[in-house]
Amino acid sequence: MKFSKFIIFFVCSFLFFCESAERPQGLPAGAKYDKNMNAYILNEPGLARIYYDNGKLYFECPLDENKAYHGLCKSYLRSEEGLASQGKYEHGSKIGDWVWYFADGKPYIKQKFGSQVKDEFAQFNGDEGNEEGPYERYYPEGSLEVKGNYKNGQKSDFWQKYFKDGELEYSGYYSKGKKIRTWFYYFPNRQTESVEVFDENGNFLSRTIFSPNGKVLCEVQKNESHCG
């Protein structure tokens, strides 16, 4: 019995020593390791902080009385110094203007969020569900890559994507997250790559595919296709 107690004491002491030895320097004493996140969590009255496994601050955000994110929140880069994102939460939901950054500080994504009830379908597709208003995404060099709009958490209205040189790659309209009307896609040589047509409810009607020199390669209808 004494030997068993000694073994248990030895194992516990060893595990405590390993955990202490692996704990990054500079972490607040109250930060607890979360295996699922591979990060350290520190919840203080009115404030939440998350630290990378290397000890650097990853995320900080005020908390409301129900411990939901509420106020200006920021996330930070893992290796370099600087912001990864910043924006406001309102009782657990993003609201207003949010910006995500490249490592050099240039904007990567600019997006707005509203206060409406989140759309469950949009959340199922990986969105927040309360996106509202303009959306912009940039190339690392700083040129605009994608420009569009959200309404009630879903893609809406006119969307455009550009090549790095600023020429149009594709454009078309969304309604409630679905493509509608006519969409145009282009090769880097500015020639039309394809044309897609949808009805106002997002149902596919036709697609015409072109070669880089402008020759029609395929015509696809809802129930049939002709190629060659």
C-alpha atoms as a PDB file:
ATOM      1  CA  MET A   1       0.000   0.000   0.000  1.00  0.00           C
ATOM      2  CA  LYS A   2       2.805   2.410   0.906  1.00  0.00           C
ATOM      3  CA  PHE A   3       4.602   1.497  -2.319  1.00  0.00           C
ATOM      4  CA  SER A   4       1.429   2.198  -4.358  1.00  0.00           C
ATOM      5  CA  LYS A   5       1.006   5.584  -2.695  1.00  0.00           C
ATOM      6  CA  PHE A   6       4.632   6.353  -3.472  1.00  0.00           C
ATOM      7  CA  ILE A   7       4.110   5.481  -7.158  1.00  0.00           C
ATOM      8  CA  ILE A   8       1.002   7.683  -7.364  1.00  0.00           C
ATOM      9  CA  PHE A   9       2.847  10.548  -5.673  1.00  0.00           C
ATOM     10  CA  PHE A  10       5.816  10.103  -8.009  1.00  0.00           C
ATOM     11  CA  VAL A  11       3.642  10.074 -11.166  1.00  0.00           C
ATOM     12  CA  CYS A  12       1.650  13.133 -10.080  1.00  0.00           C
ATOM     13  CA  SER A  13       4.832  14.994  -9.205  1.00  0.00           C
ATOM     14  CA  PHE A  14       6.352  14.048 -12.565  1.00  0.00           C
ATOM     15  CA  LEU A  15       3.297  15.240 -14.518  1.00  0.00           C
ATOM     16  CA  PHE A  16       3.215  18.513 -12.586  1.00  0.00           C
ATOM     17  CA  PHE A  17       6.910  19.007 -13.286  1.00  0.00           C
ATOM     18  CA  CYS A  18       6.418  18.363 -17.028  1.00  0.00           C
ATOM     19  CA  GLU A  19       3.458  20.726 -17.232  1.00  0.00           C
ATOM     20  CA  SER A  20       5.414  23.431 -15.431  1.00  0.00           C
ATOM     21  CA  ALA A  21       8.496  22.853 -17.574  1.00  0.00           C
ATOM     22  CA  GLU A  22       6.504  23.116 -20.819  1.00  0.00           C
ATOM     23  CA  ARG A  23       4.534  26.181 -19.786  1.00  0.00           C
ATOM     24  CA  PRO A  24       5.664  29.198 -21.845  1.00  0.00           C
ATOM     25  CA  GLN A  25       7.294  32.083 -20.052  1.00  0.00           C
ATOM     26  CA  GLY A  26       5.335  35.268 -19.508  1.00  0.00           C
ATOM     27  CA  LEU A  27       1.912  33.651 -19.162  1.00  0.00           C
ATOM     28  CA  PRO A  28      -0.311  35.035 -16.386  1.00  0.00           C
ATOM     29  CA  ALA A  29      -0.512  32.639 -13.466  1.00  0.00           C
ATOM     30  CA  GLY A  30      -4.249  32.083 -13.929  1.00  0.00           C
ATOM     31  CA  ALA A  31      -4.075  31.064 -17.601  1.00  0.00           C
ATOM     32  CA  LYS A  32      -5.281  27.476 -18.059  1.00  0.00           C
ATOM     33  CA  TYR A  33      -4.242  25.211 -20.923  1.00  0.00           C
ATOM     34  CA  ASP A  34      -7.045  24.077 -23.259  1.00  0.00           C
ATOM     35  CA  LYS A  35      -6.055  20.927 -25.138  1.00  0.00           C
ATOM     36  CA  ASN A  36      -8.793  21.284 -27.762  1.00  0.00           C
ATOM     37  CA  MET A  37      -7.664  24.791 -28.678  1.00  0.00           C
ATOM     38  CA  ASN A  38      -3.967  24.135 -28.028  1.00  0.00           C
ATOM     39  CA  ALA A  39      -3.968  27.496 -26.268  1.00  0.00           C
ATOM     40  CA  TYR A  40      -4.080  29.041 -22.797  1.00  0.00           C
ATOM     41  CA  ILE A  41      -7.313  30.659 -21.590  1.00  0.00           C
ATOM     42  CA  LEU A  42      -7.512  33.430 -19.010  1.00  0.00           C
ATOM     43  CA  ASN A  43     -10.952  34.624 -17.922  1.00  0.00           C
ATOM     44  CA  GLU A  44     -10.955  37.603 -15.591  1.00  0.00           C
ATOM     45  CA  PRO A  45     -13.935  39.653 -14.403  1.00  0.00           C
ATOM     46  CA  GLY A  46     -15.116  41.481 -17.518  1.00  0.00           C
ATOM     47  CA  LEU A  47     -12.259  40.344 -19.768  1.00  0.00           C
ATOM     48  CA  ALA A  48     -11.201  37.230 -21.713  1.00  0.00           C
ATOM     49  CA  ARG A  49      -7.705  36.569 -23.015  1.00  0.00           C
ATOM     50  CA  ILE A  50      -6.408  33.661 -25.098  1.00  0.00           C
ATOM     51  CA  TYR A  51      -2.694  32.942 -25.510  1.00  0.00           C
ATOM     52  CA  TYR A  52      -0.861  30.958 -28.183  1.00  0.00           C
ATOM     53  CA  ASP A  53       0.977  27.831 -27.058  1.00  0.00           C
ATOM     54  CA  ASN A  54       4.185  29.889 -27.380  1.00  0.00           C
ATOM     55  CA  GLY A  55       2.931  32.314 -24.726  1.00  0.00           C
ATOM     56  CA  LYS A  56       2.064  35.239 -27.009  1.00  0.00           C
ATOM     57  CA  LEU A  57      -1.295  36.939 -26.669  1.00  0.00           C
ATOM     58  CA  TYR A  58      -3.684  35.698 -29.370  1.00  0.00           C
ATOM     59  CA  PHE A  59      -7.035  37.282 -28.513  1.00  0.00           C
ATOM     60  CA  GLU A  60      -8.504  39.716 -25.993  1.00  0.00           C
ATOM     61  CA  CYS A  61     -12.086  40.841 -25.592  1.00  0.00           C
ATOM     62  CA  PRO A  62     -14.330  42.398 -22.928  1.00  0.00           C
ATOM     63  CA  LEU A  63     -17.126  40.240 -21.498  1.00  0.00           C
ATOM     64  CA  ASP A  64     -20.686  41.142 -20.565  1.00  0.00           C
ATOM     65  CA  GLU A  65     -22.477  39.973 -17.417  1.00  0.00           C
ATOM     66  CA  ASN A  66     -23.186  36.616 -19.098  1.00  0.00           C
ATOM     67  CA  LYS A  67     -19.516  36.165 -20.061  1.00  0.00           C
ATOM     68  CA  ALA A  68     -20.260  36.728 -23.752  1.00  0.00           C
ATOM     69  CA  TYR A  69     -17.902  38.827 -25.883  1.00  0.00           C
ATOM     70  CA  HIS A  70     -19.002  42.463 -25.750  1.00  0.00           C
ATOM     71  CA  GLY A  71     -16.949  45.456 -26.875  1.00  0.00           C
ATOM     72  CA  LEU A  72     -13.844  46.075 -28.977  1.00  0.00           C
ATOM     73  CA  CYS A  73     -11.974  42.792 -29.517  1.00  0.00           C
ATOM     74  CA  LYS A  74      -8.581  42.153 -31.086  1.00  0.00           C
ATOM     75  CA  SER A  75      -6.603  39.141 -32.253  1.00  0.00           C
ATOM     76  CA  TYR A  76      -2.839  39.141 -32.764  1.00  0.00           C
ATOM     77  CA  LEU A  77      -0.318  37.433 -35.022  1.00  0.00           C
ATOM     78  CA  ARG A  78       1.405  34.319 -33.739  1.00  0.00           C
ATOM     79  CA  SER A  79       4.997  35.040 -34.784  1.00  0.00           C
ATOM     80  CA  GLU A  80       5.157  38.645 -35.926  1.00  0.00           C
ATOM     81  CA  GLU A  81       4.080  41.682 -33.951  1.00  0.00           C
ATOM     82  CA  GLY A  82       0.795  43.255 -34.946  1.00  0.00           C
ATOM     83  CA  LEU A  83      -2.937  42.778 -35.297  1.00  0.00           C
ATOM     84  CA  ALA A  84      -4.591  39.852 -37.068  1.00  0.00           C
ATOM     85  CA  SER A  85      -8.123  41.258 -36.731  1.00  0.00           C
ATOM     86  CA  GLN A  86     -10.190  43.774 -34.815  1.00  0.00           C
ATOM     87  CA  GLY A  87     -13.837  44.706 -34.443  1.00  0.00           C
ATOM     88  CA  LYS A  88     -16.694  44.893 -31.967  1.00  0.00           C
ATOM     89  CA  TYR A  89     -18.902  42.237 -30.432  1.00  0.00           C
ATOM     90  CA  GLU A  90     -22.352  42.894 -29.015  1.00  0.00           C
ATOM     91  CA  HIS A  91     -23.414  40.263 -26.484  1.00  0.00           C
ATOM     92  CA  GLY A  92     -21.592  37.479 -28.313  1.00  0.00           C
ATOM     93  CA  SER A  93     -22.149  38.528 -31.946  1.00  0.00           C
ATOM     94  CA  LYS A  94     -19.897  40.513 -34.267  1.00  0.00           C
ATOM     95  CA  ILE A  95     -21.299  43.945 -35.103  1.00  0.00           C
ATOM     96  CA  GLY A  96     -20.239  46.944 -37.160  1.00  0.00           C
ATOM     97  CA  ASP A  97     -16.941  47.182 -39.023  1.00  0.00           C
ATOM     98  CA  TRP A  98     -14.424  44.332 -38.827  1.00  0.00           C
ATOM     99  CA  VAL A  99     -10.982  44.179 -40.432  1.00  0.00           C
ATOM    100  CA  TRP A 100      -8.605  41.237 -40.871  1.00  0.00           C
ATOM    101  CA  TYR A 101      -4.949  41.935 -41.672  1.00  0.00           C
ATOM    102  CA  PHE A 102      -1.957  40.444 -43.444  1.00  0.00           C
ATOM    103  CA  ALA A 103       1.259  40.096 -41.433  1.00  0.00           C
ATOM    104  CA  ASP A 104       2.584  43.386 -42.854  1.00  0.00           C
ATOM    105  CA  GLY A 105      -0.453  45.285 -41.570  1.00  0.00           C
ATOM    106  CA  LYS A 106      -2.250  45.657 -44.897  1.00  0.00           C
ATOM    107  CA  PRO A 107      -5.976  44.835 -44.841  1.00  0.00           C
ATOM    108  CA  TYR A 108      -6.991  41.365 -45.995  1.00  0.00           C
ATOM    109  CA  ILE A 109     -10.770  41.520 -45.446  1.00  0.00           C
ATOM    110  CA  LYS A 110     -13.098  44.404 -44.594  1.00  0.00           C
ATOM    111  CA  GLN A 111     -16.609  43.434 -43.601  1.00  0.00           C
ATOM    112  CA  LYS A 112     -19.679  44.781 -41.818  1.00  0.00           C
ATOM    113  CA  PHE A 113     -22.043  42.972 -39.444  1.00  0.00           C
ATOM    114  CA  GLY A 114     -25.572  43.882 -38.382  1.00  0.00           C
ATOM    115  CA  SER A 115     -27.658  43.438 -35.251  1.00  0.00           C
ATOM    116  CA  GLN A 116     -30.358  41.259 -36.839  1.00  0.00           C
ATOM    117  CA  VAL A 117     -31.061  37.657 -35.866  1.00  0.00           C
ATOM    118  CA  LYS A 118     -28.458  35.355 -37.426  1.00  0.00           C
ATOM    119  CA  ASP A 119     -29.474  33.385 -40.500  1.00  0.00           C
ATOM    120  CA  GLU A 120     -29.185  29.652 -39.729  1.00  0.00           C
ATOM    121  CA  PHE A 121     -28.670  28.673 -43.382  1.00  0.00           C
ATOM    122  CA  ALA A 122     -25.771  31.119 -43.677  1.00  0.00           C
ATOM    123  CA  GLN A 123     -24.244  29.763 -40.465  1.00  0.00           C
ATOM    124  CA  PHE A 124     -24.530  26.227 -41.845  1.00  0.00           C
ATOM    125  CA  ASN A 125     -22.469  27.372 -44.850  1.00  0.00           C
ATOM    126  CA  GLY A 126     -19.726  28.751 -42.614  1.00  0.00           C
ATOM    127  CA  ASP A 127     -20.727  32.411 -42.380  1.00  0.00           C
ATOM    128  CA  GLU A 128     -21.509  34.299 -39.177  1.00  0.00           C
ATOM    129  CA  GLY A 129     -25.131  34.710 -40.218  1.00  0.00           C
ATOM    130  CA  ASN A 130     -25.423  38.452 -39.534  1.00  0.00           C
ATOM    131  CA  GLU A 131     -23.158  39.900 -42.227  1.00  0.00           C
ATOM    132  CA  GLU A 132     -24.683  43.135 -43.498  1.00  0.00           C
ATOM    133  CA  GLY A 133     -23.378  45.577 -46.085  1.00  0.00           C
ATOM    134  CA  PRO A 134     -20.154  45.865 -48.097  1.00  0.00           C
ATOM    135  CA  TYR A 135     -17.529  43.103 -48.247  1.00  0.00           C
ATOM    136  CA  GLU A 136     -13.995  43.567 -49.609  1.00  0.00           C
ATOM    137  CA  ARG A 137     -11.056  41.172 -49.852  1.00  0.00           C
ATOM    138  CA  TYR A 138      -7.550  42.192 -50.927  1.00  0.00           C
ATOM    139  CA  TYR A 139      -4.443  40.605 -52.392  1.00  0.00           C
ATOM    140  CA  PRO A 140      -1.259  40.734 -50.248  1.00  0.00           C
ATOM    141  CA  GLU A 141       0.092  43.451 -52.554  1.00  0.00           C
ATOM    142  CA  GLY A 142      -2.865  45.665 -51.634  1.00  0.00           C
ATOM    143  CA  SER A 143      -5.006  45.481 -54.775  1.00  0.00           C
ATOM    144  CA  LEU A 144      -8.702  44.601 -54.526  1.00  0.00           C
ATOM    145  CA  GLU A 145      -9.519  40.914 -55.108  1.00  0.00           C
ATOM    146  CA  VAL A 146     -13.250  40.586 -54.321  1.00  0.00           C
ATOM    147  CA  LYS A 147     -15.984  43.163 -53.827  1.00  0.00           C
ATOM    148  CA  GLY A 148     -19.590  42.422 -52.928  1.00  0.00           C
ATOM    149  CA  ASN A 149     -22.433  42.894 -50.509  1.00  0.00           C
ATOM    150  CA  TYR A 150     -24.273  40.946 -47.802  1.00  0.00           C
ATOM    151  CA  LYS A 151     -27.888  41.212 -46.718  1.00  0.00           C
ATOM    152  CA  ASN A 152     -29.274  39.400 -43.679  1.00  0.00           C
ATOM    153  CA  GLY A 153     -26.196  37.184 -43.489  1.00  0.00           C
ATOM    154  CA  GLN A 154     -26.224  36.084 -47.138  1.00  0.00           C
ATOM    155  CA  LYS A 155     -24.478  37.221 -50.312  1.00  0.00           C
ATOM    156  CA  SER A 156     -26.621  39.743 -52.148  1.00  0.00           C
ATOM    157  CA  ASP A 157     -26.584  42.167 -55.082  1.00  0.00           C
ATOM    158  CA  PHE A 158     -23.585  42.706 -57.386  1.00  0.00           C
ATOM    159  CA  TRP A 159     -20.295  40.818 -56.833  1.00  0.00           C
ATOM    160  CA  GLN A 160     -16.978  41.140 -58.661  1.00  0.00           C
ATOM    161  CA  LYS A 161     -13.626  39.351 -58.507  1.00  0.00           C
ATOM    162  CA  TYR A 162     -10.434  40.765 -60.017  1.00  0.00           C
ATOM    163  CA  PHE A 163      -7.111  39.394 -61.166  1.00  0.00           C
ATOM    164  CA  LYS A 164      -4.022  40.818 -59.462  1.00  0.00           C
ATOM    165  CA  ASP A 165      -3.529  43.279 -62.327  1.00  0.00           C
ATOM    166  CA  GLY A 166      -6.959  44.768 -61.656  1.00  0.00           C
ATOM    167  CA  GLU A 167      -8.756  43.223 -64.629  1.00  0.00           C
ATOM    168  CA  LEU A 168     -12.130  41.605 -64.034  1.00  0.00           C
ATOM    169  CA  GLU A 169     -12.163  37.819 -63.426  1.00  0.00           C
ATOM    170  CA  TYR A 170     -15.918  37.387 -62.950  1.00  0.00           C
ATOM    171  CA  SER A 171     -19.064  39.324 -62.048  1.00  0.00           C
ATOM    172  CA  GLY A 172     -22.712  38.653 -61.324  1.00  0.00           C
ATOM    173  CA  TYR A 173     -25.624  39.041 -58.935  1.00  0.00           C
ATOM    174  CA  TYR A 174     -26.622  37.170 -55.783  1.00  0.00           C
ATOM    175  CA  SER A 175     -29.990  37.018 -54.059  1.00  0.00           C
ATOM    176  CA  LYS A 176     -30.325  35.345 -50.665  1.00  0.00           C
ATOM    177  CA  GLY A 177     -26.979  33.621 -51.149  1.00  0.00           C
ATOM    178  CA  LYS A 178     -27.802  32.217 -54.604  1.00  0.00           C
ATOM    179  CA  LYS A 179     -26.492  33.268 -58.006  1.00  0.00           C
ATOM    180  CA  ILE A 180     -29.164  34.910 -60.170  1.00  0.00           C
ATOM    181  CA  ARG A 181     -29.350  36.404 -63.679  1.00  0.00           C
ATOM    182  CA  THR A 182     -26.263  36.334 -65.927  1.00  0.00           C
ATOM    183  CA  TRP A 183     -22.729  35.704 -64.666  1.00  0.00           C
ATOM    184  CA  PHE A 184     -19.621  36.449 -66.755  1.00  0.00           C
ATOM    185  CA  TYR A 185     -16.205  34.798 -66.275  1.00  0.00           C
ATOM    186  CA  TYR A 186     -12.986  35.870 -68.017  1.00  0.00           C
ATOM    187  CA  PHE A 187      -9.567  34.473 -68.884  1.00  0.00           C
ATOM    188  CA  PRO A 188      -6.467  36.486 -67.892  1.00  0.00           C
ATOM    189  CA  ASN A 189      -6.211  37.498 -71.575  1.00  0.00           C
ATOM    190  CA  ARG A 190      -9.565  39.340 -71.124  1.00  0.00           C
ATOM    191  CA  GLN A 191     -11.454  36.876 -73.343  1.00  0.00           C
ATOM    192  CA  THR A 192     -14.727  35.459 -72.047  1.00  0.00           C
ATOM    193  CA  GLU A 193     -14.241  32.075 -70.359  1.00  0.00           C
ATOM    194  CA  SER A 194     -17.890  31.252 -69.683  1.00  0.00           C
ATOM    195  CA  VAL A 195     -21.352  32.712 -69.297  1.00  0.00           C
ATOM    196  CA  GLU A 196     -23.836  31.322 -66.773  1.00  0.00           C
ATOM    197  CA  VAL A 197     -27.540  32.135 -66.603  1.00  0.00           C
ATOM    198  CA  PHE A 198     -29.837  31.644 -63.595  1.00  0.00           C
ATOM    199  CA  ASP A 199     -33.433  32.651 -62.957  1.00  0.00           C
ATOM    200  CA  GLU A 200     -34.467  35.069 -60.191  1.00  0.00           C
ATOM    201  CA  ASN A 201     -34.808  32.182 -57.724  1.00  0.00           C
ATOM    202  CA  GLY A 202     -31.270  30.931 -58.317  1.00  0.00           C
ATOM    203  CA  ASN A 203     -32.177  27.981 -60.535  1.00  0.00           C
ATOM    204  CA  PHE A 204     -29.578  27.122 -63.181  1.00  0.00           C
ATOM    205  CA  LEU A 205     -30.661  27.706 -66.792  1.00  0.00           C
ATOM    206  CA  SER A 206     -27.578  27.534 -69.015  1.00  0.00           C
ATOM    207  CA  ARG A 207     -23.808  27.745 -69.296  1.00  0.00           C
ATOM    208  CA  THR A 208     -21.678  28.526 -72.359  1.00  0.00           C
ATOM    209  CA  ILE A 209     -17.966  27.685 -72.190  1.00  0.00           C
ATOM    210  CA  PHE A 210     -15.364  29.303 -74.465  1.00  0.00           C
ATOM    211  CA  SER A 211     -11.732  28.626 -75.360  1.00  0.00           C
ATOM    212  CA  PRO A 212      -9.127  31.370 -74.753  1.00  0.00           C
ATOM    213  CA  ASN A 213      -9.394  32.371 -78.426  1.00  0.00           C
ATOM    214  CA  GLY A 214     -13.159  32.841 -78.226  1.00  0.00           C
ATOM    215  CA  LYS A 215     -14.391  29.575 -79.739  1.00  0.00           C
ATOM    216  CA  VAL A 216     -17.493  28.017 -78.168  1.00  0.00           C
ATOM    217  CA  LEU A 217     -16.520  24.699 -76.577  1.00  0.00           C
ATOM    218  CA  CYS A 218     -19.704  23.671 -74.772  1.00  0.00           C
ATOM    219  CA  GLU A 219     -23.279  24.769 -74.383  1.00  0.00           C
ATOM    220  CA  VAL A 220     -24.939  23.358 -71.288  1.00  0.00           C
ATOM    221  CA  GLN A 221     -28.662  23.590 -70.685  1.00  0.00           C
ATOM    222  CA  LYS A 222     -30.629  22.520 -67.652  1.00  0.00           C
ATOM    223  CA  ASN A 223     -31.275  19.032 -69.009  1.00  0.00           C
ATOM    224  CA  GLU A 224     -28.777  18.643 -71.857  1.00  0.00           C
ATOM    225  CA  SER A 225     -25.343  19.691 -73.110  1.00  0.00           C
ATOM    226  CA  HIS A 226     -23.505  19.959 -76.431  1.00  0.00           C
ATOM    227  CA  CYS A 227     -19.699  20.090 -76.616  1.00  0.00           C
ATOM    228  CA  GLY A 228     -17.172  20.118 -79.425  1.00  0.00           C
END
